[in-house]
Amino acid sequence: MESPDYHHALALLNWQIELGATEAICDAPVDRYTVPEKTQAPQKLADPAPVRGAVPAVLEVDAVAEAKAHAAAAQDLDGLRSALGAFDHCTLKRGARNLVFSDGQAGAPVMIVGEAPGRDEDREGRPFVGRAGQLLDRMLAAIDMGRDHATHPVYITNVLPWRPPQNRDPNPDEIAMMRPFVERHIALAAPKALVVMGNISAHALLGKKGITRLRGHWTEALGLPVLPMFHPAYLLRNPAAKREAWADLLSLKARLHDG
């Protein structure tokens, strides 16, 4: 096909303008008869150099694994207390006044494991010092035992060393983080028998719930005989359950006597 002359091309252009064309598709002419060169693969850019002062990415921490490592490193009860104080992965620590570690005499034949500190315990830094703790002392005295007893002492701690807000129940993550410390605590205290008081304690150490069904039945955990019992706070709300609690106390006394 012959190329149009100047006047013919100008007429075609004017005709396109009359049709409404106002601009060209491209700023430069395109030769559609040439074969385009093979497209080259884009080069991979090098990783940017680290910027001084930049905040590194935060890695997710396995809090339970950290707890196991901290607990295993403790060689005595003072070391375990320090390890708990240095453990920052449990958010309960941020809202608590004090670390509630233990009370009574370490090495006593009976170790009582409660649930978590309340307001009075958080203020004083000792377990079982509020109304529930006063009832516990009277219960132990009834079978000639006590945290400061000269011949039949007990040793007391909790699953959680920090008070949950508004005395709410501990959640599963908090229990899982504290369990390695509780297990190490029991190993270092070396009691002859454990008393787990309340549903939370039974779940943490026995893996079972339902303290009404579990109480009064001796079982075993961590190589030790374990007696689940009602928590004294429950007995304050349900005085009728004190009869079962008395039977459990007599069972504890008989077990120690037989041992």
Protein backbone atom coordinates (compact mmCIF):
# COMPACT_ATOMS: atom_id res chain seq x y z
CA MET A 1 0.00 0.00 0.00
CA GLU A 2 1.34 3.41 -1.04
CA SER A 3 1.85 6.06 1.65
CA PRO A 4 -0.61 8.97 1.41
CA ASP A 5 0.81 12.33 0.28
CA TYR A 6 0.86 15.40 2.53
CA HIS A 7 -2.55 16.76 1.55
CA HIS A 8 -4.20 13.35 1.81
CA ALA A 9 -2.67 12.80 5.32
CA LEU A 10 -3.77 16.25 6.44
CA ALA A 11 -7.30 15.56 5.28
CA LEU A 12 -7.34 12.30 7.26
CA LEU A 13 -6.14 14.12 10.35
CA ASN A 14 -8.78 16.84 10.07
CA TRP A 15 -11.43 14.18 9.59
CA GLN A 16 -10.32 12.44 12.85
CA ILE A 17 -10.45 15.78 14.69
CA GLU A 18 -13.98 16.34 13.47
CA LEU A 19 -14.86 12.90 14.83
CA GLY A 20 -13.67 14.05 18.29
CA ALA A 21 -10.11 12.75 18.54
CA THR A 22 -8.17 15.19 20.70
CA GLU A 23 -4.93 13.39 21.51
CA ALA A 24 -2.63 10.68 20.24
CA ILE A 25 -2.51 7.31 21.94
CA CYS A 26 1.26 7.50 22.44
CA ASP A 27 3.73 10.33 22.64
CA ALA A 28 6.10 8.49 20.31
CA PRO A 29 5.44 6.54 17.09
CA VAL A 30 5.31 2.76 17.42
CA ASP A 31 6.83 0.50 14.78
CA ARG A 32 4.58 -2.55 14.92
CA TYR A 33 6.62 -4.45 12.31
CA THR A 34 9.70 -4.92 14.52
CA VAL A 35 10.02 -7.97 16.75
CA PRO A 36 10.27 -6.90 20.40
CA GLU A 37 13.37 -7.95 22.26
CA LYS A 38 13.04 -10.77 24.76
CA THR A 39 11.94 -9.44 28.08
CA GLN A 40 14.67 -9.75 30.67
CA ALA A 41 13.89 -11.10 34.09
CA PRO A 42 14.05 -8.42 36.75
CA GLN A 43 17.16 -8.52 38.85
CA LYS A 44 16.71 -9.40 42.53
CA LEU A 45 17.42 -6.45 44.68
CA ALA A 46 19.89 -6.91 47.48
CA ASP A 47 18.58 -6.91 51.02
CA PRO A 48 18.74 -3.42 52.46
CA ALA A 49 21.47 -2.75 54.94
CA PRO A 50 20.31 -2.62 58.59
CA VAL A 51 19.53 0.85 59.77
CA ARG A 52 21.33 1.95 62.90
CA GLY A 53 18.90 2.34 65.77
CA ALA A 54 16.13 0.35 64.08
CA VAL A 55 13.92 -1.74 66.42
CA PRO A 56 14.44 -5.49 65.78
CA ALA A 57 11.45 -7.72 65.15
CA VAL A 58 9.97 -9.14 68.36
CA LEU A 59 10.15 -12.93 68.52
CA GLU A 60 7.34 -14.84 70.17
CA VAL A 61 8.44 -16.29 73.50
CA ASP A 62 7.42 -19.72 74.76
CA ALA A 63 6.53 -18.70 78.31
CA VAL A 64 6.08 -22.27 79.53
CA ALA A 65 9.50 -23.29 78.22
CA GLU A 66 11.02 -20.23 79.88
CA ALA A 67 9.30 -21.14 83.14
CA LYS A 68 10.67 -24.68 82.98
CA ALA A 69 14.19 -23.38 82.42
CA HIS A 70 13.96 -20.85 85.26
CA ALA A 71 12.49 -23.38 87.67
CA ALA A 72 14.96 -26.15 86.83
CA ALA A 73 17.90 -23.81 87.43
CA ALA A 74 16.84 -23.15 91.04
CA GLN A 75 18.91 -25.22 93.45
CA ASP A 76 17.07 -24.28 96.65
CA LEU A 77 13.93 -22.47 97.82
CA ASP A 78 15.65 -19.09 97.97
CA GLY A 79 16.82 -19.58 94.41
CA LEU A 80 13.32 -20.53 93.34
CA ARG A 81 11.89 -17.41 94.97
CA SER A 82 14.44 -15.31 93.08
CA ALA A 83 13.63 -17.13 89.83
CA LEU A 84 9.93 -16.40 90.28
CA GLY A 85 10.67 -12.76 91.02
CA ALA A 86 12.70 -12.49 87.81
CA PHE A 87 10.05 -14.19 85.66
CA ASP A 88 8.31 -11.43 83.67
CA HIS A 89 6.09 -13.40 81.27
CA CYS A 90 3.08 -13.62 83.58
CA THR A 91 1.04 -10.43 83.36
CA LEU A 92 -0.36 -10.94 86.87
CA LYS A 93 2.98 -9.75 88.22
CA ARG A 94 2.38 -6.25 86.87
CA GLY A 95 -0.75 -5.69 88.91
CA ALA A 96 0.35 -7.36 92.15
CA ARG A 97 1.92 -5.68 95.15
CA ASN A 98 3.97 -8.61 96.36
CA LEU A 99 5.22 -12.01 95.34
CA VAL A 100 3.45 -14.53 97.60
CA PHE A 101 5.86 -17.42 97.85
CA SER A 102 5.25 -19.56 100.94
CA ASP A 103 4.70 -19.75 104.69
CA GLY A 104 5.24 -22.31 107.39
CA GLN A 105 8.25 -24.57 107.72
CA ALA A 106 10.04 -25.87 104.65
CA GLY A 107 10.73 -29.58 104.96
CA ALA A 108 7.50 -30.19 106.88
CA PRO A 109 5.84 -33.55 106.18
CA VAL A 110 2.69 -31.86 104.81
CA MET A 111 2.70 -29.29 102.02
CA ILE A 112 -0.56 -27.45 101.33
CA VAL A 113 -1.06 -26.01 97.84
CA GLY A 114 -3.78 -23.40 97.53
CA GLU A 115 -5.01 -21.53 94.48
CA ALA A 116 -3.94 -17.88 94.36
CA PRO A 117 -3.38 -14.95 96.73
CA GLY A 118 -6.24 -12.66 97.67
CA ARG A 119 -6.16 -9.03 98.76
CA ASP A 120 -4.76 -9.72 102.25
CA GLU A 121 -2.15 -12.13 100.93
CA ASP A 122 -1.08 -9.67 98.25
CA ARG A 123 -0.67 -6.96 100.87
CA GLU A 124 1.34 -9.07 103.33
CA GLY A 125 3.22 -11.28 100.87
CA ARG A 126 2.20 -14.54 102.63
CA PRO A 127 -0.36 -17.18 101.65
CA PHE A 128 -3.56 -17.82 103.63
CA VAL A 129 -3.59 -14.80 105.96
CA GLY A 130 -7.13 -13.51 105.32
CA ARG A 131 -10.39 -15.00 106.61
CA ALA A 132 -9.81 -18.20 104.67
CA GLY A 133 -6.31 -18.47 106.10
CA GLN A 134 -7.57 -17.97 109.65
CA LEU A 135 -10.05 -20.79 109.11
CA LEU A 136 -7.25 -22.97 107.74
CA ASP A 137 -5.21 -22.35 110.89
CA ARG A 138 -8.15 -23.43 113.06
CA MET A 139 -8.66 -26.53 110.92
CA LEU A 140 -5.02 -27.53 111.28
CA ALA A 141 -5.00 -26.80 115.00
CA ALA A 142 -7.94 -29.19 115.41
CA ILE A 143 -5.67 -32.07 114.34
CA ASP A 144 -2.66 -30.74 116.26
CA MET A 145 -0.87 -29.23 113.26
CA GLY A 146 0.01 -25.74 112.08
CA ARG A 147 2.34 -23.61 110.04
CA ASP A 148 4.38 -22.77 113.16
CA HIS A 149 3.69 -25.95 115.11
CA ALA A 150 6.72 -27.18 117.07
CA THR A 151 6.30 -30.88 116.32
CA HIS A 152 3.76 -31.11 113.47
CA PRO A 153 4.42 -28.19 111.13
CA VAL A 154 3.05 -27.67 107.65
CA TYR A 155 4.38 -25.79 104.64
CA ILE A 156 2.00 -23.66 102.54
CA THR A 157 2.10 -22.21 99.04
CA ASN A 158 -0.21 -21.45 96.09
CA VAL A 159 -0.35 -22.39 92.43
CA LEU A 160 -0.08 -18.70 91.54
CA PRO A 161 2.31 -16.40 93.41
CA TRP A 162 0.54 -13.20 92.29
CA ARG A 163 -3.01 -12.06 92.92
CA PRO A 164 -5.34 -12.16 89.90
CA PRO A 165 -7.32 -8.92 89.38
CA GLN A 166 -10.55 -8.82 91.36
CA ASN A 167 -9.72 -12.30 92.70
CA ARG A 168 -10.81 -13.88 89.42
CA ASP A 169 -9.97 -17.50 88.67
CA PRO A 170 -6.58 -18.04 87.02
CA ASN A 171 -6.80 -18.73 83.30
CA PRO A 172 -5.22 -21.83 81.68
CA ASP A 173 -2.21 -19.91 80.34
CA GLU A 174 -1.36 -18.57 83.79
CA ILE A 175 -1.65 -22.01 85.36
CA ALA A 176 0.52 -23.55 82.63
CA MET A 177 3.23 -20.93 83.22
CA MET A 178 3.26 -21.43 86.98
CA ARG A 179 3.05 -25.22 87.02
CA PRO A 180 6.83 -25.74 86.46
CA PHE A 181 7.54 -23.49 89.44
CA VAL A 182 5.01 -25.35 91.63
CA GLU A 183 6.49 -28.72 90.66
CA ARG A 184 10.01 -27.49 91.45
CA HIS A 185 8.73 -25.97 94.69
CA ILE A 186 7.36 -29.35 95.76
CA ALA A 187 10.57 -31.12 94.80
CA LEU A 188 12.73 -28.70 96.81
CA ALA A 189 10.41 -28.68 99.84
CA ALA A 190 10.32 -32.50 99.79
CA PRO A 191 7.13 -33.15 101.78
CA LYS A 192 5.75 -36.59 102.55
CA ALA A 193 2.22 -35.70 101.46
CA LEU A 194 0.41 -32.98 99.53
CA VAL A 195 -2.92 -31.36 100.28
CA VAL A 196 -4.41 -29.57 97.27
CA MET A 197 -7.10 -27.14 98.32
CA GLY A 198 -9.67 -26.06 95.79
CA ASN A 199 -10.58 -26.80 92.22
CA ILE A 200 -7.76 -24.75 90.67
CA SER A 201 -5.09 -26.58 92.67
CA ALA A 202 -6.56 -29.97 91.84
CA HIS A 203 -6.65 -29.11 88.15
CA ALA A 204 -3.08 -27.79 88.16
CA LEU A 205 -1.50 -30.78 89.91
CA LEU A 206 -3.89 -33.63 89.15
CA GLY A 207 -5.20 -32.55 85.77
CA LYS A 208 -8.74 -33.06 87.04
CA LYS A 209 -11.65 -30.80 87.89
CA GLY A 210 -14.58 -31.24 90.23
CA ILE A 211 -13.35 -30.80 93.81
CA THR A 212 -16.71 -31.98 95.20
CA ARG A 213 -16.11 -35.35 93.55
CA LEU A 214 -12.35 -35.46 94.15
CA ARG A 215 -12.18 -34.39 97.80
CA GLY A 216 -11.48 -36.98 100.43
CA HIS A 217 -10.00 -39.51 97.98
CA TRP A 218 -6.26 -40.04 98.23
CA THR A 219 -4.48 -40.09 94.89
CA GLU A 220 -0.92 -39.57 93.68
CA ALA A 221 0.99 -36.86 91.83
CA LEU A 222 4.70 -36.16 91.37
CA GLY A 223 5.44 -39.39 93.23
CA LEU A 224 3.63 -38.23 96.39
CA PRO A 225 0.31 -39.09 98.04
CA VAL A 226 -2.18 -36.26 97.45
CA LEU A 227 -5.38 -35.43 99.31
CA PRO A 228 -7.77 -33.01 97.56
CA MET A 229 -9.83 -30.87 99.95
CA PHE A 230 -12.30 -28.01 99.84
CA HIS A 231 -10.70 -24.58 99.90
CA PRO A 232 -11.34 -22.74 103.19
CA ALA A 233 -12.91 -19.89 101.22
CA TYR A 234 -15.49 -22.38 99.94
CA LEU A 235 -16.17 -23.51 103.50
CA LEU A 236 -16.82 -19.91 104.54
CA ARG A 237 -19.50 -19.68 101.85
CA ASN A 238 -20.83 -23.20 102.49
CA PRO A 239 -20.60 -24.00 106.21
CA ALA A 240 -22.47 -27.28 105.71
CA ALA A 241 -19.40 -28.63 103.86
CA LYS A 242 -17.29 -28.39 107.03
CA ARG A 243 -18.42 -31.91 107.95
CA GLU A 244 -16.68 -33.31 104.86
CA ALA A 245 -13.66 -31.11 105.54
CA TRP A 246 -13.39 -32.52 109.07
CA ALA A 247 -13.46 -36.05 107.69
CA ASP A 248 -10.65 -35.12 105.30
CA LEU A 249 -8.58 -33.66 108.13
CA LEU A 250 -8.95 -36.88 110.12
CA SER A 251 -7.88 -38.83 107.02
CA LEU A 252 -4.79 -36.63 106.73
CA LYS A 253 -3.90 -37.15 110.38
CA ALA A 254 -4.35 -40.89 110.10
CA ARG A 255 -2.23 -41.05 106.94
CA LEU A 256 0.64 -39.23 108.61
CA HIS A 257 0.34 -41.37 111.72
CA ASP A 258 0.40 -44.56 109.67
CA GLY A 259 3.38 -43.28 107.71
